[in-house]
Protein backbone atom coordinates (compact mmCIF):
# COMPACT_ATOMS: atom_id res chain seq x y z
CA UNK A 1 38.88 1.36 -42.48
CA UNK A 2 42.73 1.94 -41.18
CA UNK A 3 45.16 -0.69 -41.03
CA UNK A 4 46.54 -1.86 -37.68
CA UNK A 5 49.25 -0.60 -35.72
CA UNK A 6 52.13 -2.94 -36.37
CA UNK A 7 53.70 -4.89 -33.54
CA UNK A 8 57.09 -3.28 -35.00
CA UNK A 9 58.92 -1.27 -36.96
CA UNK A 10 62.12 -1.80 -38.13
CA UNK A 11 63.98 1.55 -39.69
CA UNK A 12 67.04 1.40 -40.97
CA UNK A 13 69.12 4.38 -42.16
CA UNK A 14 71.20 4.19 -45.61
CA UNK A 15 73.65 6.34 -47.24
CA UNK A 16 75.11 5.10 -50.58
CA UNK A 17 74.65 1.57 -49.63
CA UNK A 18 73.67 0.12 -53.00
CA UNK A 19 76.15 -2.32 -52.85
CA UNK A 20 75.07 -4.44 -49.46
CA UNK A 21 71.66 -3.15 -49.38
CA UNK A 22 69.83 -5.43 -50.96
CA UNK A 23 71.22 -8.87 -49.10
CA UNK A 24 70.59 -6.79 -45.79
CA UNK A 25 66.68 -6.67 -46.82
CA UNK A 26 66.73 -9.53 -48.22
CA UNK A 27 67.50 -11.18 -44.61
CA UNK A 28 65.44 -8.90 -42.78
CA UNK A 29 62.20 -9.54 -45.17
CA UNK A 30 63.01 -12.69 -45.03
CA UNK A 31 63.16 -13.23 -40.66
CA UNK A 32 59.93 -10.85 -40.26
CA UNK A 33 57.85 -12.97 -43.08
CA UNK A 34 58.53 -16.08 -41.02
CA UNK A 35 57.42 -14.10 -37.72
CA UNK A 36 54.05 -14.19 -36.71
CA UNK A 37 53.95 -10.35 -35.68
CA UNK A 38 52.95 -7.56 -37.84
CA UNK A 39 55.71 -5.70 -39.11
CA UNK A 40 57.16 -2.67 -41.45
CA UNK A 41 60.25 -1.97 -42.76
CA UNK A 42 61.35 1.99 -43.19
CA UNK A 43 64.35 2.51 -45.07
CA UNK A 44 65.71 6.10 -44.82
CA UNK A 45 67.41 7.02 -47.62
CA UNK A 46 69.66 9.95 -46.35
CA UNK A 47 70.74 11.50 -49.57
CA UNK A 48 72.28 8.86 -51.28
CA UNK A 49 74.13 9.61 -54.85
CA UNK A 50 73.71 5.97 -55.57
CA UNK A 51 71.22 3.39 -56.21
CA UNK A 52 70.19 2.76 -53.11
CA UNK A 53 66.71 4.31 -53.13
CA UNK A 54 65.98 2.28 -56.59
CA UNK A 55 66.88 -0.97 -54.65
CA UNK A 56 64.18 0.42 -51.97
CA UNK A 57 61.47 0.74 -54.19
CA UNK A 58 62.07 -2.44 -56.15
CA UNK A 59 61.62 -4.30 -52.56
CA UNK A 60 58.33 -1.70 -51.73
CA UNK A 61 56.63 -2.89 -54.97
CA UNK A 62 57.26 -6.29 -54.18
CA UNK A 63 56.48 -6.40 -50.43
CA UNK A 64 53.64 -3.31 -49.81
CA UNK A 65 54.97 -3.45 -46.05
CA UNK A 66 58.57 -1.73 -46.98
CA UNK A 67 58.74 1.56 -46.78
CA UNK A 68 61.28 4.13 -48.91
CA UNK A 69 61.24 7.76 -46.60
CA UNK A 70 64.25 10.04 -49.08
CA UNK A 71 66.09 12.93 -47.54
CA UNK A 72 67.15 15.41 -50.34
CA UNK A 73 70.50 15.88 -48.97
CA UNK A 74 73.39 14.07 -46.76
CA UNK A 75 72.09 15.29 -43.35
CA UNK A 76 73.79 12.67 -41.43
CA UNK A 77 73.13 8.95 -39.69
CA UNK A 78 71.32 10.62 -36.62
CA UNK A 79 68.61 12.68 -38.83
CA UNK A 80 67.61 9.60 -41.07
CA UNK A 81 67.12 7.76 -37.51
CA UNK A 82 65.20 10.32 -36.24
CA UNK A 83 63.17 10.63 -39.12
CA UNK A 84 62.34 7.12 -39.46
CA UNK A 85 61.50 6.65 -35.99
CA UNK A 86 58.85 9.57 -36.45
CA UNK A 87 57.67 8.31 -39.52
CA UNK A 88 57.03 4.37 -38.07
CA UNK A 89 53.70 3.27 -36.37
CA UNK A 90 54.67 0.09 -34.67
CA UNK A 91 54.14 -0.46 -30.97
CA UNK A 92 57.97 -1.24 -30.70
CA UNK A 93 60.60 0.40 -32.93
CA UNK A 94 64.01 -1.65 -33.96
CA UNK A 95 67.05 0.84 -35.35
CA UNK A 96 69.27 -1.62 -37.31
CA UNK A 97 72.43 -0.36 -39.18
CA UNK A 98 72.50 -1.09 -42.62
CA UNK A 99 75.38 -3.64 -42.49
CA UNK A 100 73.64 -6.15 -39.90
CA UNK A 101 76.62 -6.31 -37.97
CA UNK A 102 74.46 -7.63 -35.21
CA UNK A 103 72.33 -9.91 -37.35
CA UNK A 104 68.05 -9.44 -37.07
CA UNK A 105 67.87 -13.12 -35.93
CA UNK A 106 69.09 -10.70 -32.41
CA UNK A 107 65.73 -9.38 -32.88
CA UNK A 108 64.34 -12.30 -30.65
CA UNK A 109 66.49 -11.38 -27.36
CA UNK A 110 65.65 -7.62 -27.30
CA UNK A 111 61.99 -8.32 -27.63
CA UNK A 112 61.92 -10.82 -24.57
CA UNK A 113 63.58 -8.25 -22.43
CA UNK A 114 61.23 -5.34 -23.72
CA UNK A 115 58.14 -7.84 -23.13
CA UNK A 116 59.14 -8.15 -19.31
CA UNK A 117 58.64 -4.43 -18.92
CA UNK A 118 61.40 -2.42 -20.22
CA UNK A 119 61.51 0.60 -22.28
CA UNK A 120 64.72 0.29 -24.70
CA UNK A 121 66.81 -3.05 -25.07
CA UNK A 122 70.16 -1.83 -26.63
CA UNK A 123 72.70 -4.20 -28.14
CA UNK A 124 75.65 -4.09 -26.22
CA UNK A 125 79.33 -5.45 -27.25
CA UNK A 126 80.41 -4.88 -23.91
CA UNK A 127 78.28 -7.67 -22.16
CA UNK A 128 80.29 -10.45 -20.70
CA UNK A 129 77.78 -12.59 -22.43
CA UNK A 130 78.14 -11.01 -26.01
CA UNK A 131 79.83 -12.87 -29.09
CA UNK A 132 82.18 -10.58 -31.02
CA UNK A 133 82.75 -12.60 -34.12
CA UNK A 134 85.10 -10.01 -36.29
CA UNK A 135 86.83 -7.67 -33.72
CA UNK A 136 87.55 -4.41 -34.94
CA UNK A 137 90.67 -2.64 -36.03
CA UNK A 138 93.06 -2.00 -33.00
CA UNK A 139 93.28 1.83 -33.70
CA UNK A 140 89.57 1.66 -34.34
CA UNK A 141 88.59 -0.46 -31.16
CA UNK A 142 91.32 2.39 -28.78
CA UNK A 143 88.98 5.22 -30.23
CA UNK A 144 85.82 3.80 -29.74
CA UNK A 145 86.82 2.19 -25.82
CA UNK A 146 88.25 6.15 -25.29
CA UNK A 147 85.11 7.63 -26.70
CA UNK A 148 82.69 5.22 -24.42
CA UNK A 149 84.46 6.56 -21.50
CA UNK A 150 83.68 9.99 -21.93
CA UNK A 151 80.22 9.41 -23.22
CA UNK A 152 79.59 7.53 -19.26
CA UNK A 153 80.93 10.57 -17.90
CA UNK A 154 79.12 13.26 -20.00
CA UNK A 155 75.77 11.55 -20.15
CA UNK A 156 74.78 8.45 -19.71
CA UNK A 157 76.47 6.74 -16.41
CA UNK A 158 75.11 3.62 -16.55
CA UNK A 159 75.66 2.02 -19.86
CA UNK A 160 78.41 0.37 -20.96
CA UNK A 161 78.20 0.27 -25.18
CA UNK A 162 75.68 3.38 -26.56
CA UNK A 163 76.94 2.85 -29.86
CA UNK A 164 75.78 -0.28 -31.11
CA UNK A 165 73.65 -0.26 -34.19
CA UNK A 166 70.99 -2.22 -32.66
CA UNK A 167 68.45 -0.88 -30.50
CA UNK A 168 64.71 -1.92 -29.68
CA UNK A 169 62.53 0.73 -28.17
CA UNK A 170 58.64 1.09 -26.83
CA UNK A 171 57.37 3.06 -29.81
CA UNK A 172 55.07 5.67 -28.08
CA UNK A 173 58.76 6.08 -26.20
CA UNK A 174 61.00 6.34 -28.72
CA UNK A 175 58.98 8.89 -30.82
CA UNK A 176 58.34 11.17 -28.25
CA UNK A 177 62.33 10.94 -27.62
CA UNK A 178 62.99 11.25 -31.21
CA UNK A 179 60.61 14.06 -31.37
CA UNK A 180 62.78 16.10 -29.15
CA UNK A 181 66.23 15.31 -30.18
CA UNK A 182 68.31 17.65 -32.04
CA UNK A 183 71.76 15.86 -33.23
CA UNK A 184 71.86 14.83 -36.79
CA UNK A 185 74.92 13.11 -36.27
CA UNK A 186 76.99 10.28 -34.77
CA UNK A 187 76.14 11.29 -30.87
CA UNK A 188 72.16 10.48 -31.96
CA UNK A 189 72.10 7.41 -29.56
CA UNK A 190 73.38 9.02 -26.87
CA UNK A 191 71.12 11.87 -26.56
CA UNK A 192 68.10 8.94 -27.06
CA UNK A 193 69.73 7.22 -24.27
CA UNK A 194 70.04 10.30 -22.25
CA UNK A 195 66.41 11.24 -22.72
CA UNK A 196 65.45 7.75 -21.52
CA UNK A 197 66.99 8.37 -18.69
CA UNK A 198 65.66 12.27 -17.50
CA UNK A 199 62.63 10.69 -18.39
CA UNK A 200 62.95 8.04 -15.95
CA UNK A 201 62.59 5.32 -18.62
CA UNK A 202 64.59 1.90 -18.47
CA UNK A 203 67.24 0.91 -20.53
CA UNK A 204 69.09 -2.61 -20.28
CA UNK A 205 72.11 -4.04 -21.89
CA UNK A 206 71.60 -7.23 -23.96
CA UNK A 207 74.24 -9.48 -25.17
CA UNK A 208 74.05 -9.80 -29.07
CA UNK A 209 76.37 -11.55 -31.91
CA UNK A 210 78.23 -8.78 -33.62
CA UNK A 211 80.71 -9.03 -35.97
CA UNK A 212 82.38 -5.67 -37.41
CA UNK A 213 81.55 -5.43 -41.14
CA UNK A 214 84.34 -3.32 -43.69
CA UNK A 215 82.87 -0.07 -45.28
CA UNK A 216 81.96 1.63 -41.86
CA UNK A 217 81.28 5.31 -42.78
CA UNK A 218 81.94 6.54 -39.27
CA UNK A 219 86.17 7.44 -39.92
CA UNK A 220 88.15 8.16 -36.54
CA UNK A 221 88.10 11.72 -37.64
CA UNK A 222 84.57 11.61 -36.62
CA UNK A 223 85.31 11.15 -32.90
CA UNK A 224 85.86 15.08 -32.38
CA UNK A 225 82.37 15.41 -34.18
CA UNK A 226 80.77 13.22 -31.09
CA UNK A 227 82.40 14.57 -28.59
CA UNK A 228 81.28 18.44 -30.34
CA UNK A 229 77.64 16.45 -29.93
CA UNK A 230 77.67 15.48 -27.12
CA UNK A 231 78.60 19.35 -25.27
CA UNK A 232 75.58 19.96 -27.18
CA UNK A 233 73.65 17.64 -25.35
CA UNK A 234 74.11 18.96 -22.37
CA UNK A 235 73.35 22.37 -23.82
CA UNK A 236 69.90 21.39 -25.16
CA UNK A 237 68.40 18.96 -22.41
CA UNK A 238 70.08 20.68 -19.49
CA UNK A 239 67.58 22.63 -17.14
CA UNK A 240 65.65 24.11 -19.46
CA UNK A 241 65.54 21.63 -21.92
CA UNK A 242 64.40 19.07 -19.43
CA UNK A 243 61.22 21.48 -18.73
CA UNK A 244 60.22 21.53 -22.46
CA UNK A 245 60.62 17.55 -22.57
CA UNK A 246 57.96 17.77 -19.79
CA UNK A 247 55.63 20.49 -21.17
CA UNK A 248 55.76 18.33 -24.07
CA UNK A 249 55.28 14.86 -22.76
CA UNK A 250 51.96 13.13 -23.19
CA UNK A 251 50.03 12.45 -20.31
CA UNK A 252 50.14 8.49 -20.61
CA UNK A 253 53.44 8.85 -19.68
CA UNK A 254 54.50 10.80 -16.60
CA UNK A 255 57.82 11.83 -15.86
CA UNK A 256 58.78 12.03 -12.40
CA UNK A 257 60.10 15.41 -10.80
CA UNK A 258 64.02 14.77 -10.28
CA UNK A 259 63.96 10.78 -12.21
CA UNK A 260 66.68 9.08 -11.98
CA UNK A 261 68.82 7.17 -14.01
CA UNK A 262 67.46 3.96 -14.32
CA UNK A 263 70.36 1.49 -16.79
CA UNK A 264 70.43 -1.87 -15.99
CA UNK A 265 73.19 -4.90 -17.68
CA UNK A 266 70.89 -7.34 -19.52
CA UNK A 267 70.87 -10.89 -18.72
């Protein structure tokens, strides 16, 4: 007999995270083991050259619910998250950054929103009720604010913060959207939220605790690439992309023609 489907899959992308991934796996595992849900933890090693994979293997030997998925080369965060989501089996799928800038304990807020009928609940640093405990450096913060304004104009007009690395999705819808996604880099969050909007699936921003962590892989020079990825998004998922998505949509999730964007600010 096959194992029951997990209630929750947690997907963590990792690239050369040997120094902090151990404490992340400990924190996430401790939280999940104390919960009453069936779970799995999928760590995607995006072509690391350090001991990242070894850490995950050791954790997996101690707990069979922890899985390692490896990429033979560094393909980018978007590719890593897409690989992990497509490998997941959970009824709900959480994507979390390896640095736990948003603590795993904030998951309860997102699950409450998803349980109320929303299709995606995303952590939002821009929400008035969020607690920002450690700010980013001024240059990074200003670049992020400018990037978010551009993102809202080009792709997700209803969302104030697309880039917080703590997002919970309906599992089936996430696997469908990530199956259509093409962006391998930092713009992958925007692509997924754009696809959810095209399908008429609801997204709600949720207040969370967040603290900037040192060692971020996103450098200021990456922002021009994000702009290129946004333009790629519009090419890939314009009229023809929308028709392709509707053709591949599972019968159990009908896609209304001319779906309006359904974005909601959290509570």
